Amino acid sequence: MLFREDKVARADAEAVRKNVGWYCWTHDLVEVRGKDAHDLLDYICVNVISDTVGVSKYTTMLDDNGKILDDTIVTCMAENTYWVSTLYGPKFQPLIEKYAEGKDVEWEDLTEVIGMYAVQGPKSMDMLNSMLETPIDDMKRFRMADNKIGDLPVRIHRSGFTGENGYEVYVKREELPQLHDLLAEASPKFDARELQTLEVYVRSLPMEKGMALKQDMAGLTPSEAGLGWSVHMEKDFHGKEALAAYEDQYKLVGIVLDEGRESYEDIAQNEPICHKGVQCGIVRQMIYGYTLDQNIGFAIVDKKFAEPGTLLTAGPNFAKVTVAEDKKFLD
């Protein structure tokens, strides 16, 4: 669907890029705890999981073939206690069960217990500082800390899925309405906006900054998805042997629709993408980028056709698309 003339969607996008946008967006949240919790998570994940309280790590988890099963953020909440934030909790928990036998570890799905509002944009820190008991000026990215808004206990995580500086504010589920009202009360001073358009904060804003969802990376290795930096081959992890033996064949790339086209409605997810009439990959998603004023997307293509500037066609009507310089369209 094309959002070029959608004034609400454009206002949502501009709020995050210029001021502050906030919205309720709680992922599946699984708590893993016990004496062996760190070692278990460190084995399941390709990145090195921190045992320092308040430190988060972005990582992927692999299947038996060394391909991405899920991507997630793992946060050390307390000694021997971790939060795993994922969009695919039901796929993550069987992986714990597979390797938890004989270990001192237990886990609990907190998705219906804990809720979260994302507060994103260049003025997000200023807005939250006006509300919080303890200022967050020195908070580093991928850090979690306890705080308060008035009498409301909150956990602040410096993170987000928009590409802007931003924070996630965690509270008990039943306290979400109270948090909503506090954010709404603080908004006018910072030209902040409660976002209304799911496609903007889940797709358009993240895609402009090269941020992919797990479904975009399905069937790829971390390096094919541009996440090779997160893999620590010096440690042991699930899928390592298969990953080491695999030679990358594909690449997740950014694509730009020809400027002459007014819509991408004929290019659906998983439509074929071709080079000179021969299929070389699939489209993962296309959306309108409001900051760029362009139709952009992600595609998985044979690495031979992943060079920036390569002209391809996508969808049943062979729309012309060009491989972008980077899947990150906007600095």
C-alpha atoms as a PDB file:
ATOM      1  CA  MET A   1       0.000   0.000   0.000  1.00  0.00           C
ATOM      2  CA  LEU A   2       1.308   3.442  -0.932  1.00  0.00           C
ATOM      3  CA  PHE A   3       1.244   6.101   1.780  1.00  0.00           C
ATOM      4  CA  ARG A   4       2.490   9.090  -0.231  1.00  0.00           C
ATOM      5  CA  GLU A   5      -0.700  11.136   0.338  1.00  0.00           C
ATOM      6  CA  ASP A   6      -1.472   9.803   3.814  1.00  0.00           C
ATOM      7  CA  LYS A   7      -1.157  12.889   6.020  1.00  0.00           C
ATOM      8  CA  VAL A   8      -1.390  10.922   9.276  1.00  0.00           C
ATOM      9  CA  ALA A   9       1.420   8.559   8.248  1.00  0.00           C
ATOM     10  CA  ARG A  10       3.611  11.449   7.128  1.00  0.00           C
ATOM     11  CA  ALA A  11       3.018  13.299  10.399  1.00  0.00           C
ATOM     12  CA  ASP A  12       3.961  10.138  12.316  1.00  0.00           C
ATOM     13  CA  ALA A  13       7.205   9.765  10.375  1.00  0.00           C
ATOM     14  CA  GLU A  14       8.138  13.434  10.708  1.00  0.00           C
ATOM     15  CA  ALA A  15       7.507  13.397  14.461  1.00  0.00           C
ATOM     16  CA  VAL A  16      10.099  10.653  14.982  1.00  0.00           C
ATOM     17  CA  ARG A  17      12.676  12.151  12.616  1.00  0.00           C
ATOM     18  CA  LYS A  18      12.332  15.729  13.901  1.00  0.00           C
ATOM     19  CA  ASN A  19      10.957  15.644  17.473  1.00  0.00           C
ATOM     20  CA  VAL A  20       9.469  12.668  19.355  1.00  0.00           C
ATOM     21  CA  GLY A  21       7.097   9.867  18.462  1.00  0.00           C
ATOM     22  CA  TRP A  22       5.807   7.355  21.011  1.00  0.00           C
ATOM     23  CA  TYR A  23       3.748   4.197  20.726  1.00  0.00           C
ATOM     24  CA  CYS A  24       2.902   0.967  22.531  1.00  0.00           C
ATOM     25  CA  TRP A  25       4.921  -1.858  21.034  1.00  0.00           C
ATOM     26  CA  THR A  26       5.576  -4.775  23.351  1.00  0.00           C
ATOM     27  CA  HIS A  27       7.509  -7.712  21.950  1.00  0.00           C
ATOM     28  CA  ASP A  28       7.249 -11.247  23.237  1.00  0.00           C
ATOM     29  CA  LEU A  29       9.269 -11.213  26.447  1.00  0.00           C
ATOM     30  CA  VAL A  30      10.732 -14.336  28.027  1.00  0.00           C
ATOM     31  CA  GLU A  31      12.570 -14.321  31.366  1.00  0.00           C
ATOM     32  CA  VAL A  32      15.309 -16.929  31.762  1.00  0.00           C
ATOM     33  CA  ARG A  33      16.792 -17.412  35.218  1.00  0.00           C
ATOM     34  CA  GLY A  34      18.972 -19.812  37.171  1.00  0.00           C
ATOM     35  CA  LYS A  35      22.643 -20.557  37.804  1.00  0.00           C
ATOM     36  CA  ASP A  36      23.093 -21.840  34.228  1.00  0.00           C
ATOM     37  CA  ALA A  37      20.982 -19.165  32.518  1.00  0.00           C
ATOM     38  CA  HIS A  38      23.968 -17.203  31.184  1.00  0.00           C
ATOM     39  CA  ASP A  39      25.778 -20.224  29.769  1.00  0.00           C
ATOM     40  CA  LEU A  40      22.603 -21.554  28.163  1.00  0.00           C
ATOM     41  CA  LEU A  41      21.805 -18.247  26.452  1.00  0.00           C
ATOM     42  CA  ASP A  42      25.429 -17.779  25.439  1.00  0.00           C
ATOM     43  CA  TYR A  43      25.276 -21.157  23.688  1.00  0.00           C
ATOM     44  CA  ILE A  44      21.961 -20.476  21.964  1.00  0.00           C
ATOM     45  CA  CYS A  45      23.098 -17.048  20.693  1.00  0.00           C
ATOM     46  CA  VAL A  46      25.878 -16.173  18.229  1.00  0.00           C
ATOM     47  CA  ASN A  47      26.857 -13.014  20.123  1.00  0.00           C
ATOM     48  CA  VAL A  48      28.574 -12.996  23.525  1.00  0.00           C
ATOM     49  CA  ILE A  49      25.885 -12.522  26.167  1.00  0.00           C
ATOM     50  CA  SER A  50      26.809 -10.135  28.967  1.00  0.00           C
ATOM     51  CA  ASP A  51      26.610 -11.109  32.623  1.00  0.00           C
ATOM     52  CA  THR A  52      26.770  -7.441  33.682  1.00  0.00           C
ATOM     53  CA  VAL A  53      23.477  -6.236  35.124  1.00  0.00           C
ATOM     54  CA  GLY A  54      21.783  -3.701  32.841  1.00  0.00           C
ATOM     55  CA  VAL A  55      23.719  -4.582  29.680  1.00  0.00           C
ATOM     56  CA  SER A  56      21.882  -5.793  26.545  1.00  0.00           C
ATOM     57  CA  LYS A  57      23.193  -7.583  23.464  1.00  0.00           C
ATOM     58  CA  TYR A  58      21.595  -7.787  20.048  1.00  0.00           C
ATOM     59  CA  THR A  59      22.050 -11.239  18.592  1.00  0.00           C
ATOM     60  CA  THR A  60      20.670 -13.902  16.307  1.00  0.00           C
ATOM     61  CA  MET A  61      19.949 -17.539  17.063  1.00  0.00           C
ATOM     62  CA  LEU A  62      20.537 -20.195  14.406  1.00  0.00           C
ATOM     63  CA  ASP A  63      18.854 -23.394  13.325  1.00  0.00           C
ATOM     64  CA  ASP A  64      20.690 -26.667  12.745  1.00  0.00           C
ATOM     65  CA  ASN A  65      21.750 -25.466   9.268  1.00  0.00           C
ATOM     66  CA  GLY A  66      23.390 -22.267  10.487  1.00  0.00           C
ATOM     67  CA  LYS A  67      20.525 -20.091   9.211  1.00  0.00           C
ATOM     68  CA  ILE A  68      18.805 -17.379  11.240  1.00  0.00           C
ATOM     69  CA  LEU A  69      15.998 -18.751  13.376  1.00  0.00           C
ATOM     70  CA  ASP A  70      15.321 -15.522  15.256  1.00  0.00           C
ATOM     71  CA  ASP A  71      16.912 -12.212  16.161  1.00  0.00           C
ATOM     72  CA  THR A  72      16.563 -10.844  19.648  1.00  0.00           C
ATOM     73  CA  ILE A  73      17.877  -8.583  22.392  1.00  0.00           C
ATOM     74  CA  VAL A  74      19.097 -10.320  25.548  1.00  0.00           C
ATOM     75  CA  THR A  75      19.397  -8.180  28.691  1.00  0.00           C
ATOM     76  CA  CYS A  76      20.999  -9.123  31.999  1.00  0.00           C
ATOM     77  CA  MET A  77      18.355  -7.951  34.488  1.00  0.00           C
ATOM     78  CA  ALA A  78      19.950  -9.264  37.696  1.00  0.00           C
ATOM     79  CA  GLU A  79      22.426 -11.919  38.699  1.00  0.00           C
ATOM     80  CA  ASN A  80      21.421 -15.124  36.850  1.00  0.00           C
ATOM     81  CA  THR A  81      18.314 -13.434  35.385  1.00  0.00           C
ATOM     82  CA  TYR A  82      17.810 -12.386  31.753  1.00  0.00           C
ATOM     83  CA  TRP A  83      15.088 -10.894  29.584  1.00  0.00           C
ATOM     84  CA  VAL A  84      14.879 -12.115  26.002  1.00  0.00           C
ATOM     85  CA  SER A  85      12.920  -9.696  23.814  1.00  0.00           C
ATOM     86  CA  THR A  86      11.715 -11.299  20.596  1.00  0.00           C
ATOM     87  CA  LEU A  87       8.829 -11.205  18.134  1.00  0.00           C
ATOM     88  CA  TYR A  88       8.822 -14.999  18.089  1.00  0.00           C
ATOM     89  CA  GLY A  89       8.678 -16.235  21.678  1.00  0.00           C
ATOM     90  CA  PRO A  90       7.032 -19.540  20.712  1.00  0.00           C
ATOM     91  CA  LYS A  91      10.016 -20.318  18.451  1.00  0.00           C
ATOM     92  CA  PHE A  92      12.548 -19.314  21.093  1.00  0.00           C
ATOM     93  CA  GLN A  93      11.228 -21.410  23.966  1.00  0.00           C
ATOM     94  CA  PRO A  94      11.683 -24.819  22.251  1.00  0.00           C
ATOM     95  CA  LEU A  95      15.344 -23.909  21.777  1.00  0.00           C
ATOM     96  CA  ILE A  96      15.663 -23.401  25.546  1.00  0.00           C
ATOM     97  CA  GLU A  97      13.893 -26.700  26.182  1.00  0.00           C
ATOM     98  CA  LYS A  98      16.265 -28.495  23.822  1.00  0.00           C
ATOM     99  CA  TYR A  99      19.377 -27.507  25.769  1.00  0.00           C
ATOM    100  CA  ALA A 100      18.027 -26.951  29.295  1.00  0.00           C
ATOM    101  CA  GLU A 101      17.942 -30.597  30.321  1.00  0.00           C
ATOM    102  CA  GLY A 102      20.138 -31.193  33.357  1.00  0.00           C
ATOM    103  CA  LYS A 103      20.811 -27.462  33.845  1.00  0.00           C
ATOM    104  CA  ASP A 104      19.819 -25.130  36.660  1.00  0.00           C
ATOM    105  CA  VAL A 105      17.559 -22.926  34.561  1.00  0.00           C
ATOM    106  CA  GLU A 106      13.884 -22.035  34.306  1.00  0.00           C
ATOM    107  CA  TRP A 107      11.969 -19.660  32.088  1.00  0.00           C
ATOM    108  CA  GLU A 108       8.710 -17.721  32.088  1.00  0.00           C
ATOM    109  CA  ASP A 109       6.759 -15.928  29.361  1.00  0.00           C
ATOM    110  CA  LEU A 110       6.265 -12.347  30.598  1.00  0.00           C
ATOM    111  CA  THR A 111       4.493 -11.096  27.472  1.00  0.00           C
ATOM    112  CA  GLU A 112       1.167 -10.711  29.276  1.00  0.00           C
ATOM    113  CA  VAL A 113       2.812  -9.364  32.424  1.00  0.00           C
ATOM    114  CA  ILE A 114       5.101  -6.583  31.154  1.00  0.00           C
ATOM    115  CA  GLY A 115       4.209  -3.838  28.659  1.00  0.00           C
ATOM    116  CA  MET A 116       6.318  -1.233  26.893  1.00  0.00           C
ATOM    117  CA  TYR A 117       6.044   2.161  25.219  1.00  0.00           C
ATOM    118  CA  ALA A 118       8.743   3.164  22.734  1.00  0.00           C
ATOM    119  CA  VAL A 119       9.748   6.849  22.875  1.00  0.00           C
ATOM    120  CA  GLN A 120      11.800   7.710  19.790  1.00  0.00           C
ATOM    121  CA  GLY A 121      13.326  10.791  18.194  1.00  0.00           C
ATOM    122  CA  PRO A 122      15.962  13.506  18.663  1.00  0.00           C
ATOM    123  CA  LYS A 123      14.070  15.049  21.604  1.00  0.00           C
ATOM    124  CA  SER A 124      13.260  11.727  23.294  1.00  0.00           C
ATOM    125  CA  MET A 125      15.872  12.095  26.021  1.00  0.00           C
ATOM    126  CA  ASP A 126      14.730  15.631  26.842  1.00  0.00           C
ATOM    127  CA  MET A 127      11.117  14.548  27.053  1.00  0.00           C
ATOM    128  CA  LEU A 128      11.864  11.602  29.328  1.00  0.00           C
ATOM    129  CA  ASN A 129      14.199  13.690  31.500  1.00  0.00           C
ATOM    130  CA  SER A 130      11.276  16.044  32.133  1.00  0.00           C
ATOM    131  CA  MET A 131       9.329  13.074  33.518  1.00  0.00           C
ATOM    132  CA  LEU A 132      11.882  10.801  35.199  1.00  0.00           C
ATOM    133  CA  GLU A 133      13.130  10.871  38.784  1.00  0.00           C
ATOM    134  CA  THR A 134      16.724  10.176  37.626  1.00  0.00           C
ATOM    135  CA  PRO A 135      18.021  11.880  34.432  1.00  0.00           C
ATOM    136  CA  ILE A 136      19.257   9.583  31.660  1.00  0.00           C
ATOM    137  CA  ASP A 137      21.807  11.918  30.007  1.00  0.00           C
ATOM    138  CA  ASP A 138      24.664   9.450  30.546  1.00  0.00           C
ATOM    139  CA  MET A 139      22.759   6.289  29.644  1.00  0.00           C
ATOM    140  CA  LYS A 140      24.575   4.329  26.939  1.00  0.00           C
ATOM    141  CA  ARG A 141      22.857   2.526  24.087  1.00  0.00           C
ATOM    142  CA  PHE A 142      21.692  -1.016  24.921  1.00  0.00           C
ATOM    143  CA  ARG A 143      21.534  -0.330  28.642  1.00  0.00           C
ATOM    144  CA  MET A 144      18.607  -0.961  31.006  1.00  0.00           C
ATOM    145  CA  ALA A 145      18.019   0.792  34.335  1.00  0.00           C
ATOM    146  CA  ASP A 146      15.296   1.157  36.966  1.00  0.00           C
ATOM    147  CA  ASN A 147      13.722   4.600  37.311  1.00  0.00           C
ATOM    148  CA  LYS A 148      10.480   6.319  38.293  1.00  0.00           C
ATOM    149  CA  ILE A 149       7.951   8.643  36.699  1.00  0.00           C
ATOM    150  CA  GLY A 150       6.308  10.191  39.717  1.00  0.00           C
ATOM    151  CA  ASP A 151       5.238   7.184  41.800  1.00  0.00           C
ATOM    152  CA  LEU A 152       5.261   4.825  38.809  1.00  0.00           C
ATOM    153  CA  PRO A 153       8.206   2.378  38.775  1.00  0.00           C
ATOM    154  CA  VAL A 154       9.600   1.989  35.244  1.00  0.00           C
ATOM    155  CA  ARG A 155      12.515   0.339  33.518  1.00  0.00           C
ATOM    156  CA  ILE A 156      14.236   2.426  30.841  1.00  0.00           C
ATOM    157  CA  HIS A 157      16.059   0.721  27.986  1.00  0.00           C
ATOM    158  CA  ARG A 158      17.993   2.874  25.537  1.00  0.00           C
ATOM    159  CA  SER A 159      17.042   1.174  22.309  1.00  0.00           C
ATOM    160  CA  GLY A 160      14.366   1.150  19.621  1.00  0.00           C
ATOM    161  CA  PHE A 161      13.459   0.257  16.058  1.00  0.00           C
ATOM    162  CA  THR A 162      13.380   3.606  14.258  1.00  0.00           C
ATOM    163  CA  GLY A 163      17.046   4.424  13.715  1.00  0.00           C
ATOM    164  CA  GLU A 164      16.759   7.533  15.881  1.00  0.00           C
ATOM    165  CA  ASN A 165      17.953   7.959  19.427  1.00  0.00           C
ATOM    166  CA  GLY A 166      15.231   6.458  21.547  1.00  0.00           C
ATOM    167  CA  TYR A 167      14.138   4.579  24.631  1.00  0.00           C
ATOM    168  CA  GLU A 168      11.792   1.810  25.674  1.00  0.00           C
ATOM    169  CA  VAL A 169       9.800   2.313  28.866  1.00  0.00           C
ATOM    170  CA  TYR A 170       8.727  -0.943  30.564  1.00  0.00           C
ATOM    171  CA  VAL A 171       5.950  -1.182  33.154  1.00  0.00           C
ATOM    172  CA  LYS A 172       3.499  -3.774  34.417  1.00  0.00           C
ATOM    173  CA  ARG A 173       0.712  -4.403  31.894  1.00  0.00           C
ATOM    174  CA  GLU A 174      -1.951  -2.962  34.139  1.00  0.00           C
ATOM    175  CA  GLU A 175       0.066   0.277  34.397  1.00  0.00           C
ATOM    176  CA  LEU A 176       0.181   0.918  30.638  1.00  0.00           C
ATOM    177  CA  PRO A 177      -2.836   3.289  30.709  1.00  0.00           C
ATOM    178  CA  GLN A 178      -1.150   5.367  33.419  1.00  0.00           C
ATOM    179  CA  LEU A 179       2.085   5.515  31.427  1.00  0.00           C
ATOM    180  CA  HIS A 180       0.122   6.484  28.314  1.00  0.00           C
ATOM    181  CA  ASP A 181      -1.471   9.428  30.108  1.00  0.00           C
ATOM    182  CA  LEU A 182       1.863  10.614  31.511  1.00  0.00           C
ATOM    183  CA  LEU A 183       3.448  10.532  28.043  1.00  0.00           C
ATOM    184  CA  ALA A 184       0.472  12.379  26.560  1.00  0.00           C
ATOM    185  CA  GLU A 185       0.700  15.041  29.280  1.00  0.00           C
ATOM    186  CA  ALA A 186       4.406  15.638  28.585  1.00  0.00           C
ATOM    187  CA  SER A 187       4.045  15.667  24.790  1.00  0.00           C
ATOM    188  CA  PRO A 188       3.032  19.266  23.910  1.00  0.00           C
ATOM    189  CA  LYS A 189       6.224  20.842  25.232  1.00  0.00           C
ATOM    190  CA  PHE A 190       8.338  18.658  22.935  1.00  0.00           C
ATOM    191  CA  ASP A 191       6.012  18.544  19.895  1.00  0.00           C
ATOM    192  CA  ALA A 192       5.736  14.829  20.592  1.00  0.00           C
ATOM    193  CA  ARG A 193       3.116  12.678  18.888  1.00  0.00           C
ATOM    194  CA  GLU A 194       1.485   9.376  19.688  1.00  0.00           C
ATOM    195  CA  LEU A 195       1.985   7.383  16.501  1.00  0.00           C
ATOM    196  CA  GLN A 196      -1.050   5.902  14.787  1.00  0.00           C
ATOM    197  CA  THR A 197       0.343   4.175  11.694  1.00  0.00           C
ATOM    198  CA  LEU A 198       1.711   0.669  12.244  1.00  0.00           C
ATOM    199  CA  GLU A 199       3.325   0.571   8.795  1.00  0.00           C
ATOM    200  CA  VAL A 200       5.322   3.686   9.657  1.00  0.00           C
ATOM    201  CA  TYR A 201       6.893   2.563  12.926  1.00  0.00           C
ATOM    202  CA  VAL A 202       7.264  -1.119  12.035  1.00  0.00           C
ATOM    203  CA  ARG A 203       8.323  -0.746   8.392  1.00  0.00           C
ATOM    204  CA  SER A 204       8.857   2.692   6.871  1.00  0.00           C
ATOM    205  CA  LEU A 205      11.014   4.303   9.579  1.00  0.00           C
ATOM    206  CA  PRO A 206      13.138   1.205  10.324  1.00  0.00           C
ATOM    207  CA  MET A 207      13.653   0.371   6.645  1.00  0.00           C
ATOM    208  CA  GLU A 208      14.956   3.871   5.887  1.00  0.00           C
ATOM    209  CA  LYS A 209      17.683   3.174   8.439  1.00  0.00           C
ATOM    210  CA  GLY A 210      18.410  -0.360   7.159  1.00  0.00           C
ATOM    211  CA  MET A 211      16.763  -2.131  10.098  1.00  0.00           C
ATOM    212  CA  ALA A 212      15.313  -5.504   9.068  1.00  0.00           C
ATOM    213  CA  LEU A 213      12.809  -7.812  10.701  1.00  0.00           C
ATOM    214  CA  LYS A 214      13.491 -11.494  11.247  1.00  0.00           C
ATOM    215  CA  GLN A 215      11.099 -12.317   8.401  1.00  0.00           C
ATOM    216  CA  ASP A 216      13.349 -10.309   6.053  1.00  0.00           C
ATOM    217  CA  MET A 217      16.328 -12.487   7.009  1.00  0.00           C
ATOM    218  CA  ALA A 218      14.574 -15.866   6.851  1.00  0.00           C
ATOM    219  CA  GLY A 219      16.772 -18.520   5.270  1.00  0.00           C
ATOM    220  CA  LEU A 220      19.966 -16.448   5.486  1.00  0.00           C
ATOM    221  CA  THR A 221      23.121 -16.736   7.536  1.00  0.00           C
ATOM    222  CA  PRO A 222      24.040 -13.747   9.715  1.00  0.00           C
ATOM    223  CA  SER A 223      26.676 -12.568   7.219  1.00  0.00           C
ATOM    224  CA  GLU A 224      24.218 -12.829   4.308  1.00  0.00           C
ATOM    225  CA  ALA A 225      21.869 -10.624   6.339  1.00  0.00           C
ATOM    226  CA  GLY A 226      24.615  -8.085   7.094  1.00  0.00           C
ATOM    227  CA  LEU A 227      24.978  -9.246  10.699  1.00  0.00           C
ATOM    228  CA  GLY A 228      28.322 -10.994  10.483  1.00  0.00           C
ATOM    229  CA  TRP A 229      29.694  -8.538  13.042  1.00  0.00           C
ATOM    230  CA  SER A 230      27.527 -10.170  15.726  1.00  0.00           C
ATOM    231  CA  VAL A 231      28.946 -13.679  15.269  1.00  0.00           C
ATOM    232  CA  HIS A 232      31.723 -14.765  17.652  1.00  0.00           C
ATOM    233  CA  MET A 233      33.315 -17.831  16.106  1.00  0.00           C
ATOM    234  CA  GLU A 234      35.791 -18.092  18.993  1.00  0.00           C
ATOM    235  CA  LYS A 235      33.030 -19.445  21.238  1.00  0.00           C
ATOM    236  CA  ASP A 236      30.720 -22.420  20.887  1.00  0.00           C
ATOM    237  CA  PHE A 237      27.112 -21.864  19.828  1.00  0.00           C
ATOM    238  CA  HIS A 238      24.211 -23.759  18.334  1.00  0.00           C
ATOM    239  CA  GLY A 239      24.594 -24.015  14.543  1.00  0.00           C
ATOM    240  CA  LYS A 240      28.294 -23.077  14.558  1.00  0.00           C
ATOM    241  CA  GLU A 241      29.538 -26.166  12.707  1.00  0.00           C
ATOM    242  CA  ALA A 242      26.985 -25.755   9.917  1.00  0.00           C
ATOM    243  CA  LEU A 243      27.673 -22.011   9.702  1.00  0.00           C
ATOM    244  CA  ALA A 244      31.429 -22.575   9.415  1.00  0.00           C
ATOM    245  CA  ALA A 245      30.940 -25.044   6.560  1.00  0.00           C
ATOM    246  CA  TYR A 246      28.495 -22.861   4.612  1.00  0.00           C
ATOM    247  CA  GLU A 247      29.615 -20.575   1.786  1.00  0.00           C
ATOM    248  CA  ASP A 248      27.373 -17.529   1.478  1.00  0.00           C
ATOM    249  CA  GLN A 249      25.209 -17.554  -1.641  1.00  0.00           C
ATOM    250  CA  TYR A 250      22.771 -14.707  -1.085  1.00  0.00           C
ATOM    251  CA  LYS A 251      22.630 -11.197   0.313  1.00  0.00           C
ATOM    252  CA  LEU A 252      19.942  -9.032   1.867  1.00  0.00           C
ATOM    253  CA  VAL A 253      20.021  -5.781  -0.124  1.00  0.00           C
ATOM    254  CA  GLY A 254      18.136  -2.529  -0.295  1.00  0.00           C
ATOM    255  CA  ILE A 255      16.226  -1.797  -3.483  1.00  0.00           C
ATOM    256  CA  VAL A 256      14.755   1.432  -4.833  1.00  0.00           C
ATOM    257  CA  LEU A 257      11.765   1.495  -7.160  1.00  0.00           C
ATOM    258  CA  ASP A 258      12.192   3.512 -10.365  1.00  0.00           C
ATOM    259  CA  GLU A 259      11.210   7.134  -9.768  1.00  0.00           C
ATOM    260  CA  GLY A 260       8.810   7.007 -12.693  1.00  0.00           C
ATOM    261  CA  ARG A 261       6.475   4.577 -10.932  1.00  0.00           C
ATOM    262  CA  GLU A 262       3.764   5.942  -8.690  1.00  0.00           C
ATOM    263  CA  SER A 263       3.111   2.803  -6.643  1.00  0.00           C
ATOM    264  CA  TYR A 264       4.430  -0.625  -5.751  1.00  0.00           C
ATOM    265  CA  GLU A 265       1.048  -2.228  -5.200  1.00  0.00           C
ATOM    266  CA  ASP A 266       1.907  -4.994  -7.685  1.00  0.00           C
ATOM    267  CA  ILE A 267       5.066  -5.980  -5.759  1.00  0.00           C
ATOM    268  CA  ALA A 268       4.097  -8.198  -2.838  1.00  0.00           C
ATOM    269  CA  GLN A 269       6.243  -9.930  -0.243  1.00  0.00           C
ATOM    270  CA  ASN A 270       8.099 -12.923  -1.722  1.00  0.00           C
ATOM    271  CA  GLU A 271       7.450 -11.847  -5.323  1.00  0.00           C
ATOM    272  CA  PRO A 272      10.293 -12.902  -7.644  1.00  0.00           C
ATOM    273  CA  ILE A 273      13.078 -10.471  -8.435  1.00  0.00           C
ATOM    274  CA  CYS A 274      14.865 -11.017 -11.746  1.00  0.00           C
ATOM    275  CA  HIS A 275      18.004 -10.105 -13.660  1.00  0.00           C
ATOM    276  CA  LYS A 276      17.437  -9.975 -17.409  1.00  0.00           C
ATOM    277  CA  GLY A 277      14.327 -12.114 -17.032  1.00  0.00           C
ATOM    278  CA  VAL A 278      15.925 -14.830 -14.896  1.00  0.00           C
ATOM    279  CA  GLN A 279      14.900 -15.035 -11.246  1.00  0.00           C
ATOM    280  CA  CYS A 280      17.786 -14.235  -8.908  1.00  0.00           C
ATOM    281  CA  GLY A 281      15.937 -13.681  -5.635  1.00  0.00           C
ATOM    282  CA  ILE A 282      12.771 -12.554  -3.904  1.00  0.00           C
ATOM    283  CA  VAL A 283      11.355  -9.290  -2.620  1.00  0.00           C
ATOM    284  CA  ARG A 284      11.072  -9.236   1.149  1.00  0.00           C
ATOM    285  CA  GLN A 285       9.143  -6.003   1.561  1.00  0.00           C
ATOM    286  CA  MET A 286       8.494  -2.634  -0.067  1.00  0.00           C
ATOM    287  CA  ILE A 287       7.205   0.509   1.609  1.00  0.00           C
ATOM    288  CA  TYR A 288       7.164   4.252   1.128  1.00  0.00           C
ATOM    289  CA  GLY A 289       9.949   6.084   2.956  1.00  0.00           C
ATOM    290  CA  TYR A 290       8.613   9.474   3.988  1.00  0.00           C
ATOM    291  CA  THR A 291      11.972  11.009   4.865  1.00  0.00           C
ATOM    292  CA  LEU A 292      13.354   9.911   1.500  1.00  0.00           C
ATOM    293  CA  ASP A 293      10.142  10.430  -0.488  1.00  0.00           C
ATOM    294  CA  GLN A 294      10.911   7.195  -2.312  1.00  0.00           C
ATOM    295  CA  ASN A 295       9.527   3.698  -2.595  1.00  0.00           C
ATOM    296  CA  ILE A 296      12.155   1.441  -0.999  1.00  0.00           C
ATOM    297  CA  GLY A 297      12.458  -2.180  -0.035  1.00  0.00           C
ATOM    298  CA  PHE A 298      14.526  -5.176   0.970  1.00  0.00           C
ATOM    299  CA  ALA A 299      15.245  -8.152  -1.261  1.00  0.00           C
ATOM    300  CA  ILE A 300      17.237 -11.356  -1.007  1.00  0.00           C
ATOM    301  CA  VAL A 301      19.296 -11.807  -4.164  1.00  0.00           C
ATOM    302  CA  ASP A 302      22.053 -14.071  -5.441  1.00  0.00           C
ATOM    303  CA  LYS A 303      25.253 -12.363  -4.317  1.00  0.00           C
ATOM    304  CA  LYS A 304      26.382 -12.124  -7.980  1.00  0.00           C
ATOM    305  CA  PHE A 305      23.632  -9.531  -8.477  1.00  0.00           C
ATOM    306  CA  ALA A 306      24.019  -7.666  -5.187  1.00  0.00           C
ATOM    307  CA  GLU A 307      26.357  -4.937  -6.419  1.00  0.00           C
ATOM    308  CA  PRO A 308      25.003  -1.401  -5.879  1.00  0.00           C
ATOM    309  CA  GLY A 309      23.520   0.021  -9.049  1.00  0.00           C
ATOM    310  CA  THR A 310      22.492  -3.357 -10.494  1.00  0.00           C
ATOM    311  CA  LEU A 311      19.208  -3.013 -12.388  1.00  0.00           C
ATOM    312  CA  LEU A 312      16.643  -5.718 -11.607  1.00  0.00           C
ATOM    313  CA  THR A 313      12.923  -6.246 -12.128  1.00  0.00           C
ATOM    314  CA  ALA A 314      10.411  -7.206  -9.470  1.00  0.00           C
ATOM    315  CA  GLY A 315       6.851  -8.492  -9.324  1.00  0.00           C
ATOM    316  CA  PRO A 316       4.505  -9.786 -12.036  1.00  0.00           C
ATOM    317  CA  ASN A 317       4.675  -6.524 -14.011  1.00  0.00           C
ATOM    318  CA  PHE A 318       8.495  -6.429 -14.005  1.00  0.00           C
ATOM    319  CA  ALA A 319       8.806  -3.117 -12.183  1.00  0.00           C
ATOM    320  CA  LYS A 320      12.327  -1.722 -12.498  1.00  0.00           C
ATOM    321  CA  VAL A 321      14.289  -1.587  -9.249  1.00  0.00           C
ATOM    322  CA  THR A 322      17.900  -0.722  -8.521  1.00  0.00           C
ATOM    323  CA  VAL A 323      20.131  -2.262  -5.853  1.00  0.00           C
ATOM    324  CA  ALA A 324      20.914   0.511  -3.370  1.00  0.00           C
ATOM    325  CA  GLU A 325      24.368   1.485  -2.147  1.00  0.00           C
ATOM    326  CA  ASP A 326      23.448  -0.024   1.214  1.00  0.00           C
ATOM    327  CA  LYS A 327      20.338  -1.483   2.793  1.00  0.00           C
ATOM    328  CA  LYS A 328      20.643   1.526   5.078  1.00  0.00           C
ATOM    329  CA  PHE A 329      19.047   4.214   2.919  1.00  0.00           C
ATOM    330  CA  LEU A 330      19.344   7.070   5.413  1.00  0.00           C
ATOM    331  CA  ASP A 331      22.291   7.997   7.657  1.00  0.00           C
END
